[in-house]
Amino acid sequence: MLPFDDPRLTAMGLLAEVSTGLSAKTLPTLTAAGLSEIDFETLIRLARSPGRRLRMSDLAAQTSLSTSGVTRVVDRLEREGLVVRQACATDRRTSYAVITETGLDRLGAVLPQHLTDIETWFTGLLSPDGLAALLDALRIVRDAVRPCATAGVRPGAAERDCERAPAEPHSGKTSDG
């Protein structure tokens, strides 16, 4: 008999349902501000990064996009004046995406309602201890399946760290994008 009632299947199914449901609940706020989910993700990751900038390769590693996909998103955000590219002074092959004041203003306009949406449909449904446990669990899984998710936010982190998965799960105490 096949294990259709396996709790691992339930965990994956619930995670997919929650992700899809939260997207549906939060997207109207982003759309009203003229942002797609990937636009918002890109801007918020830049705003939360040291110097409000990330190497393009690190931005790709932190998002669900390929390097060419990030290039297209940054191109579009640059045309809107929300992001600029900045050349690296020490490596001509490297460029940074940097959020502009206009980009920060756009985030500032959407963030209060977005946080309300998150509180209403996600974090506010959990106790403080439940939220802390969920965040710890998500970081453990994230660090195992996407070891580059914090690329560019850890001082001195080697680029090669993103080329291999961690040998064992992390404690969950990394910076988040």
Protein backbone atom coordinates (compact mmCIF):
# COMPACT_ATOMS: atom_id res chain seq x y z
CA MET A 1 0.00 0.00 0.00
CA LEU A 2 1.26 3.47 -0.88
CA PRO A 3 1.71 5.90 2.04
CA PHE A 4 -0.66 8.64 0.88
CA ASP A 5 -1.19 9.74 4.48
CA ASP A 6 2.54 10.20 5.14
CA PRO A 7 3.08 13.36 7.24
CA ARG A 8 5.92 14.40 4.93
CA LEU A 9 3.41 14.72 2.11
CA THR A 10 1.12 16.65 4.42
CA ALA A 11 3.95 19.04 5.35
CA MET A 12 4.77 19.74 1.69
CA GLY A 13 1.11 20.16 0.80
CA LEU A 14 0.46 22.55 3.67
CA LEU A 15 3.55 24.59 2.83
CA ALA A 16 2.43 24.92 -0.79
CA GLU A 17 -1.12 25.85 0.23
CA VAL A 18 0.11 28.44 2.73
CA SER A 19 2.53 29.98 0.23
CA THR A 20 -0.10 30.22 -2.49
CA GLY A 21 -2.72 31.56 -0.07
CA LEU A 22 -0.42 34.20 1.38
CA SER A 23 0.54 35.36 -2.11
CA ALA A 24 -3.13 35.75 -2.98
CA LYS A 25 -3.78 37.77 0.20
CA THR A 26 -0.75 40.08 -0.11
CA LEU A 27 -0.58 40.61 -3.88
CA PRO A 28 -3.41 43.20 -4.09
CA THR A 29 -1.45 45.60 -1.85
CA LEU A 30 1.69 45.21 -3.97
CA THR A 31 -0.25 45.56 -7.22
CA ALA A 32 -1.91 48.76 -5.97
CA ALA A 33 1.60 50.16 -5.44
CA GLY A 34 2.63 49.18 -8.96
CA LEU A 35 4.85 46.31 -7.82
CA SER A 36 4.92 42.64 -8.68
CA GLU A 37 5.93 40.11 -6.03
CA ILE A 38 9.43 39.84 -7.52
CA ASP A 39 9.75 43.64 -7.69
CA PHE A 40 8.88 43.84 -4.00
CA GLU A 41 11.19 40.96 -3.11
CA THR A 42 14.05 42.61 -4.98
CA LEU A 43 13.50 46.03 -3.40
CA ILE A 44 13.06 44.72 0.14
CA ARG A 45 16.18 42.57 -0.11
CA LEU A 46 18.18 45.57 -1.31
CA ALA A 47 16.74 47.81 1.40
CA ARG A 48 17.63 45.26 4.09
CA SER A 49 21.18 44.61 2.83
CA PRO A 50 24.36 46.33 3.99
CA GLY A 51 24.73 49.61 2.10
CA ARG A 52 21.29 48.95 0.59
CA ARG A 53 22.98 47.11 -2.25
CA LEU A 54 23.80 43.60 -3.40
CA ARG A 55 25.99 42.15 -6.08
CA MET A 56 23.78 41.09 -8.96
CA SER A 57 24.92 37.48 -8.46
CA ASP A 58 24.00 37.62 -4.76
CA LEU A 59 20.61 39.10 -5.61
CA ALA A 60 20.01 36.18 -7.97
CA ALA A 61 21.08 33.74 -5.25
CA GLN A 62 18.64 35.30 -2.78
CA THR A 63 15.65 35.25 -5.12
CA SER A 64 14.00 32.58 -7.20
CA LEU A 65 15.48 34.11 -10.35
CA SER A 66 18.37 33.16 -12.59
CA THR A 67 21.10 35.72 -13.20
CA SER A 68 19.46 36.68 -16.49
CA GLY A 69 16.09 36.93 -14.72
CA VAL A 70 17.55 39.27 -12.11
CA THR A 71 19.08 41.34 -14.90
CA ARG A 72 15.64 41.77 -16.49
CA VAL A 73 14.01 42.71 -13.17
CA VAL A 74 16.78 45.18 -12.34
CA ASP A 75 16.57 46.64 -15.86
CA ARG A 76 12.85 47.29 -15.35
CA LEU A 77 13.29 48.68 -11.83
CA GLU A 78 16.12 50.87 -13.11
CA ARG A 79 13.87 52.31 -15.84
CA GLU A 80 11.37 53.18 -13.10
CA GLY A 81 14.10 54.90 -11.07
CA LEU A 82 13.76 52.44 -8.16
CA VAL A 83 17.20 50.85 -8.55
CA VAL A 84 20.54 51.85 -10.05
CA ARG A 85 23.50 49.74 -11.03
CA GLN A 86 26.84 50.53 -9.49
CA ALA A 87 30.16 49.23 -10.80
CA CYS A 88 32.52 47.50 -8.40
CA ALA A 89 35.69 49.52 -7.90
CA THR A 90 37.86 46.42 -7.50
CA ASP A 91 36.36 43.95 -9.98
CA ARG A 92 35.15 45.04 -13.42
CA ARG A 93 33.11 41.82 -13.74
CA THR A 94 30.98 42.70 -10.72
CA SER A 95 28.15 45.17 -10.50
CA TYR A 96 25.75 46.00 -7.72
CA ALA A 97 22.06 46.70 -7.68
CA VAL A 98 21.40 49.62 -5.33
CA ILE A 99 17.99 50.79 -4.19
CA THR A 100 17.40 54.49 -4.82
CA GLU A 101 15.59 57.03 -2.65
CA THR A 102 12.64 56.65 -5.03
CA GLY A 103 12.75 52.89 -4.44
CA LEU A 104 12.85 53.44 -0.68
CA ASP A 105 9.89 55.82 -0.99
CA ARG A 106 7.92 53.22 -2.96
CA LEU A 107 8.67 50.61 -0.29
CA GLY A 108 7.75 53.10 2.43
CA ALA A 109 4.40 53.67 0.78
CA VAL A 110 3.52 49.97 0.47
CA LEU A 111 5.15 48.60 3.63
CA PRO A 112 2.55 49.65 6.26
CA GLN A 113 -0.30 47.86 4.45
CA HIS A 114 1.93 44.93 3.53
CA LEU A 115 2.86 44.49 7.19
CA THR A 116 -0.82 44.68 8.12
CA ASP A 117 -1.56 41.98 5.53
CA ILE A 118 1.23 39.80 6.95
CA GLU A 119 -0.04 40.32 10.50
CA THR A 120 -3.64 39.56 9.48
CA TRP A 121 -3.00 36.49 7.39
CA PHE A 122 0.20 35.02 8.86
CA THR A 123 2.17 36.16 11.89
CA GLY A 124 -0.82 37.41 13.86
CA LEU A 125 -2.35 33.94 13.74
CA LEU A 126 0.59 32.55 15.74
CA SER A 127 1.63 32.99 19.35
CA PRO A 128 5.01 34.68 19.88
CA ASP A 129 6.53 31.30 20.77
CA GLY A 130 4.87 29.68 17.74
CA LEU A 131 6.24 32.38 15.45
CA ALA A 132 9.75 32.03 16.91
CA ALA A 133 9.63 28.24 16.44
CA LEU A 134 8.37 28.63 12.87
CA LEU A 135 11.12 31.12 12.01
CA ASP A 136 13.76 28.78 13.46
CA ALA A 137 12.37 25.82 11.51
CA LEU A 138 12.13 27.81 8.26
CA ARG A 139 15.73 29.00 8.60
CA ILE A 140 16.97 25.44 9.09
CA VAL A 141 15.18 24.26 5.96
CA ARG A 142 16.10 27.38 3.97
CA ASP A 143 19.79 27.02 4.85
CA ALA A 144 19.74 23.39 3.70
CA VAL A 145 17.86 23.87 0.42
CA ARG A 146 19.06 27.39 -0.48
CA PRO A 147 22.50 27.89 1.06
CA CYS A 148 22.95 31.10 -0.94
CA ALA A 149 19.81 32.75 0.39
CA THR A 150 21.85 35.08 2.57
CA ALA A 151 24.64 35.67 0.05
CA GLY A 152 26.03 39.16 0.33
CA VAL A 153 24.70 39.87 3.81
CA ARG A 154 27.36 38.07 5.82
CA PRO A 155 30.59 40.09 5.98
CA GLY A 156 33.46 38.14 4.47
CA ALA A 157 31.26 35.31 3.20
CA ALA A 158 33.10 33.64 0.37
CA GLU A 159 31.38 33.32 -2.96
CA ARG A 160 32.19 29.60 -2.92
CA ASP A 161 29.88 29.18 0.11
CA CYS A 162 27.02 29.31 -2.37
CA GLU A 163 28.37 26.47 -4.46
CA ARG A 164 27.86 23.81 -1.81
CA ALA A 165 25.14 22.90 0.63
CA PRO A 166 25.97 23.03 4.33
CA ALA A 167 27.21 19.74 5.77
CA GLU A 168 24.70 20.00 8.59
CA PRO A 169 21.77 22.28 9.32
CA HIS A 170 22.60 25.70 10.70
CA SER A 171 21.32 26.99 14.02
CA GLY A 172 19.05 29.42 12.18
CA LYS A 173 20.91 32.49 13.41
CA THR A 174 21.84 33.91 10.00
CA SER A 175 20.81 37.24 8.55
CA ASP A 176 17.65 37.13 6.49
CA GLY A 177 16.92 38.97 3.28
